[in-house]
Amino acid sequence: MSARFYWDDRMNTTIWMALALVLVLEGLGPMFMPRFWRRLILSLAQLPDRLLHRFGGGLVVSGVVIYYMLSVQGR
């Protein structure tokens, strides 16, 4: 097996594992605290678009920084 295909397989596995972890974490709120989760979603729906835009951008930047830090540490 060439190094390129090994990297592709490892990357695919990592992406699927990350997606699985996101699904587990996202499911914990409605599973254990459904009333709180519902109120949180309703209050988020009332926020202005600009604030949601900034919040989403902050999450994306945080995710990229964490990914970069973990990928540098793994070398």
N, C-alpha and C. Protein backbone atom coordinates (compact mmCIF):
# COMPACT_ATOMS: atom_id res chain seq x y z
N MET A 1 0.86 -1.18 0.00
CA MET A 1 0.00 0.00 0.00
C MET A 1 0.90 1.24 0.00
N SER A 2 0.60 2.15 -0.88
CA SER A 2 1.44 3.34 -0.96
C SER A 2 1.10 4.29 0.18
N ALA A 3 2.02 5.23 0.41
CA ALA A 3 1.83 6.19 1.51
C ALA A 3 0.61 7.07 1.25
N ARG A 4 0.35 7.39 0.00
CA ARG A 4 -0.79 8.26 -0.31
C ARG A 4 -2.10 7.59 0.07
N PHE A 5 -2.26 6.32 -0.30
CA PHE A 5 -3.51 5.63 0.02
C PHE A 5 -3.65 5.41 1.52
N TYR A 6 -2.56 5.16 2.21
CA TYR A 6 -2.61 5.00 3.67
C TYR A 6 -3.09 6.29 4.31
N TRP A 7 -2.55 7.43 3.84
CA TRP A 7 -2.97 8.71 4.40
C TRP A 7 -4.44 8.95 4.13
N ASP A 8 -4.91 8.62 2.92
CA ASP A 8 -6.32 8.82 2.58
C ASP A 8 -7.21 7.98 3.49
N ASP A 9 -6.85 6.71 3.73
CA ASP A 9 -7.65 5.85 4.60
C ASP A 9 -7.66 6.38 6.02
N ARG A 10 -6.51 6.82 6.51
CA ARG A 10 -6.41 7.34 7.87
C ARG A 10 -7.22 8.63 7.99
N MET A 11 -7.18 9.47 6.96
CA MET A 11 -7.92 10.72 6.99
C MET A 11 -9.43 10.45 6.96
N ASN A 12 -9.86 9.52 6.15
CA ASN A 12 -11.27 9.17 6.10
C ASN A 12 -11.75 8.67 7.46
N THR A 13 -10.97 7.82 8.10
CA THR A 13 -11.32 7.30 9.42
C THR A 13 -11.39 8.44 10.43
N THR A 14 -10.45 9.35 10.39
CA THR A 14 -10.44 10.48 11.32
C THR A 14 -11.67 11.36 11.13
N ILE A 15 -12.04 11.61 9.90
CA ILE A 15 -13.21 12.45 9.63
C ILE A 15 -14.47 11.77 10.15
N TRP A 16 -14.62 10.47 9.90
CA TRP A 16 -15.80 9.76 10.38
C TRP A 16 -15.84 9.71 11.90
N MET A 17 -14.69 9.54 12.54
CA MET A 17 -14.64 9.53 14.01
C MET A 17 -15.01 10.90 14.56
N ALA A 18 -14.54 11.96 13.92
CA ALA A 18 -14.87 13.32 14.37
C ALA A 18 -16.36 13.57 14.21
N LEU A 19 -16.94 13.15 13.10
CA LEU A 19 -18.37 13.31 12.89
C LEU A 19 -19.16 12.53 13.94
N ALA A 20 -18.72 11.31 14.25
CA ALA A 20 -19.39 10.51 15.27
C ALA A 20 -19.34 11.21 16.62
N LEU A 21 -18.21 11.80 16.97
CA LEU A 21 -18.09 12.51 18.24
C LEU A 21 -19.00 13.72 18.28
N VAL A 22 -19.10 14.45 17.18
CA VAL A 22 -20.01 15.60 17.11
C VAL A 22 -21.45 15.14 17.33
N LEU A 23 -21.85 14.06 16.69
CA LEU A 23 -23.21 13.55 16.85
C LEU A 23 -23.50 13.14 18.29
N VAL A 24 -22.52 12.49 18.94
CA VAL A 24 -22.70 12.10 20.34
C VAL A 24 -22.86 13.34 21.21
N LEU A 25 -21.98 14.32 21.04
CA LEU A 25 -22.04 15.52 21.86
C LEU A 25 -23.32 16.32 21.60
N GLU A 26 -23.75 16.40 20.34
CA GLU A 26 -24.97 17.12 20.01
C GLU A 26 -26.21 16.41 20.57
N GLY A 27 -26.16 15.11 20.69
CA GLY A 27 -27.30 14.36 21.18
C GLY A 27 -27.44 14.35 22.69
N LEU A 28 -26.37 14.70 23.41
CA LEU A 28 -26.44 14.68 24.87
C LEU A 28 -27.43 15.68 25.43
N GLY A 29 -27.50 16.87 24.86
CA GLY A 29 -28.41 17.90 25.35
C GLY A 29 -29.87 17.48 25.29
N PRO A 30 -30.39 17.13 24.10
CA PRO A 30 -31.79 16.72 24.05
C PRO A 30 -32.08 15.42 24.80
N MET A 31 -31.08 14.57 24.93
CA MET A 31 -31.30 13.29 25.61
C MET A 31 -31.44 13.47 27.13
N PHE A 32 -30.56 14.27 27.73
CA PHE A 32 -30.55 14.40 29.19
C PHE A 32 -31.29 15.62 29.72
N MET A 33 -31.39 16.68 28.91
CA MET A 33 -32.04 17.91 29.36
C MET A 33 -32.95 18.47 28.27
N PRO A 34 -34.03 17.76 27.92
CA PRO A 34 -34.83 18.19 26.76
C PRO A 34 -35.50 19.55 26.95
N ARG A 35 -35.98 19.86 28.14
CA ARG A 35 -36.64 21.17 28.34
C ARG A 35 -35.64 22.31 28.21
N PHE A 36 -34.49 22.15 28.85
CA PHE A 36 -33.45 23.19 28.75
C PHE A 36 -33.00 23.34 27.30
N TRP A 37 -32.80 22.23 26.62
CA TRP A 37 -32.34 22.25 25.24
C TRP A 37 -33.35 22.98 24.35
N ARG A 38 -34.64 22.70 24.56
CA ARG A 38 -35.69 23.34 23.77
C ARG A 38 -35.69 24.86 24.01
N ARG A 39 -35.57 25.28 25.29
CA ARG A 39 -35.53 26.72 25.59
C ARG A 39 -34.30 27.37 24.97
N LEU A 40 -33.17 26.66 25.00
CA LEU A 40 -31.94 27.19 24.40
C LEU A 40 -32.11 27.40 22.90
N ILE A 41 -32.68 26.42 22.23
CA ILE A 41 -32.90 26.53 20.78
C ILE A 41 -33.87 27.67 20.47
N LEU A 42 -34.93 27.79 21.25
CA LEU A 42 -35.89 28.87 21.03
C LEU A 42 -35.25 30.24 21.26
N SER A 43 -34.40 30.35 22.28
CA SER A 43 -33.75 31.64 22.52
C SER A 43 -32.71 31.95 21.43
N LEU A 44 -32.04 30.93 20.92
CA LEU A 44 -31.10 31.15 19.82
C LEU A 44 -31.83 31.62 18.56
N ALA A 45 -33.02 31.11 18.35
CA ALA A 45 -33.80 31.50 17.17
C ALA A 45 -34.20 32.97 17.22
N GLN A 46 -34.23 33.55 18.40
CA GLN A 46 -34.63 34.95 18.55
C GLN A 46 -33.46 35.92 18.39
N LEU A 47 -32.24 35.41 18.37
CA LEU A 47 -31.07 36.29 18.26
C LEU A 47 -30.97 36.89 16.86
N PRO A 48 -30.41 38.08 16.76
CA PRO A 48 -30.21 38.69 15.44
C PRO A 48 -29.24 37.88 14.58
N ASP A 49 -29.44 37.95 13.28
CA ASP A 49 -28.59 37.20 12.35
C ASP A 49 -27.12 37.54 12.52
N ARG A 50 -26.81 38.80 12.74
CA ARG A 50 -25.41 39.21 12.85
C ARG A 50 -24.73 38.54 14.03
N LEU A 51 -25.43 38.41 15.15
CA LEU A 51 -24.87 37.76 16.33
C LEU A 51 -24.66 36.27 16.08
N LEU A 52 -25.63 35.63 15.43
CA LEU A 52 -25.46 34.21 15.09
C LEU A 52 -24.30 34.02 14.12
N HIS A 53 -24.15 34.96 13.20
CA HIS A 53 -23.04 34.91 12.24
C HIS A 53 -21.70 34.95 12.97
N ARG A 54 -21.56 35.86 13.92
CA ARG A 54 -20.32 35.97 14.70
C ARG A 54 -20.09 34.74 15.56
N PHE A 55 -21.13 34.24 16.17
CA PHE A 55 -21.02 33.04 17.00
C PHE A 55 -20.56 31.85 16.17
N GLY A 56 -21.18 31.66 15.01
CA GLY A 56 -20.78 30.58 14.11
C GLY A 56 -19.34 30.73 13.63
N GLY A 57 -18.95 31.96 13.30
CA GLY A 57 -17.57 32.21 12.88
C GLY A 57 -16.59 31.90 13.99
N GLY A 58 -16.95 32.26 15.22
CA GLY A 58 -16.09 31.95 16.36
C GLY A 58 -15.92 30.45 16.56
N LEU A 59 -16.99 29.70 16.36
CA LEU A 59 -16.90 28.24 16.48
C LEU A 59 -16.00 27.65 15.40
N VAL A 60 -16.14 28.16 14.19
CA VAL A 60 -15.31 27.67 13.08
C VAL A 60 -13.83 27.96 13.35
N VAL A 61 -13.53 29.18 13.76
CA VAL A 61 -12.14 29.55 14.05
C VAL A 61 -11.60 28.70 15.20
N SER A 62 -12.39 28.50 16.23
CA SER A 62 -11.95 27.67 17.36
C SER A 62 -11.65 26.25 16.89
N GLY A 63 -12.52 25.71 16.06
CA GLY A 63 -12.30 24.36 15.55
C GLY A 63 -11.04 24.25 14.71
N VAL A 64 -10.78 25.24 13.88
CA VAL A 64 -9.57 25.24 13.05
C VAL A 64 -8.32 25.33 13.92
N VAL A 65 -8.36 26.18 14.94
CA VAL A 65 -7.20 26.33 15.84
C VAL A 65 -6.94 25.03 16.59
N ILE A 66 -7.99 24.40 17.12
CA ILE A 66 -7.81 23.13 17.83
C ILE A 66 -7.28 22.06 16.88
N TYR A 67 -7.83 21.98 15.69
CA TYR A 67 -7.35 21.01 14.71
C TYR A 67 -5.87 21.23 14.39
N TYR A 68 -5.50 22.48 14.19
CA TYR A 68 -4.11 22.80 13.87
C TYR A 68 -3.19 22.41 15.04
N MET A 69 -3.59 22.75 16.25
CA MET A 69 -2.76 22.43 17.41
C MET A 69 -2.57 20.93 17.56
N LEU A 70 -3.64 20.16 17.34
CA LEU A 70 -3.53 18.71 17.45
C LEU A 70 -2.72 18.11 16.32
N SER A 71 -2.83 18.67 15.12
CA SER A 71 -2.07 18.13 14.00
C SER A 71 -0.58 18.45 14.13
N VAL A 72 -0.24 19.60 14.69
CA VAL A 72 1.17 19.95 14.90
C VAL A 72 1.76 19.08 16.00
N GLN A 73 0.97 18.82 17.05
CA GLN A 73 1.44 18.01 18.17
C GLN A 73 1.68 16.56 17.72
N GLY A 74 0.91 16.09 16.77
CA GLY A 74 1.02 14.71 16.32
C GLY A 74 2.22 14.43 15.42
N ARG A 75 2.90 15.45 15.01
CA ARG A 75 4.05 15.25 14.10
C ARG A 75 5.27 14.77 14.82
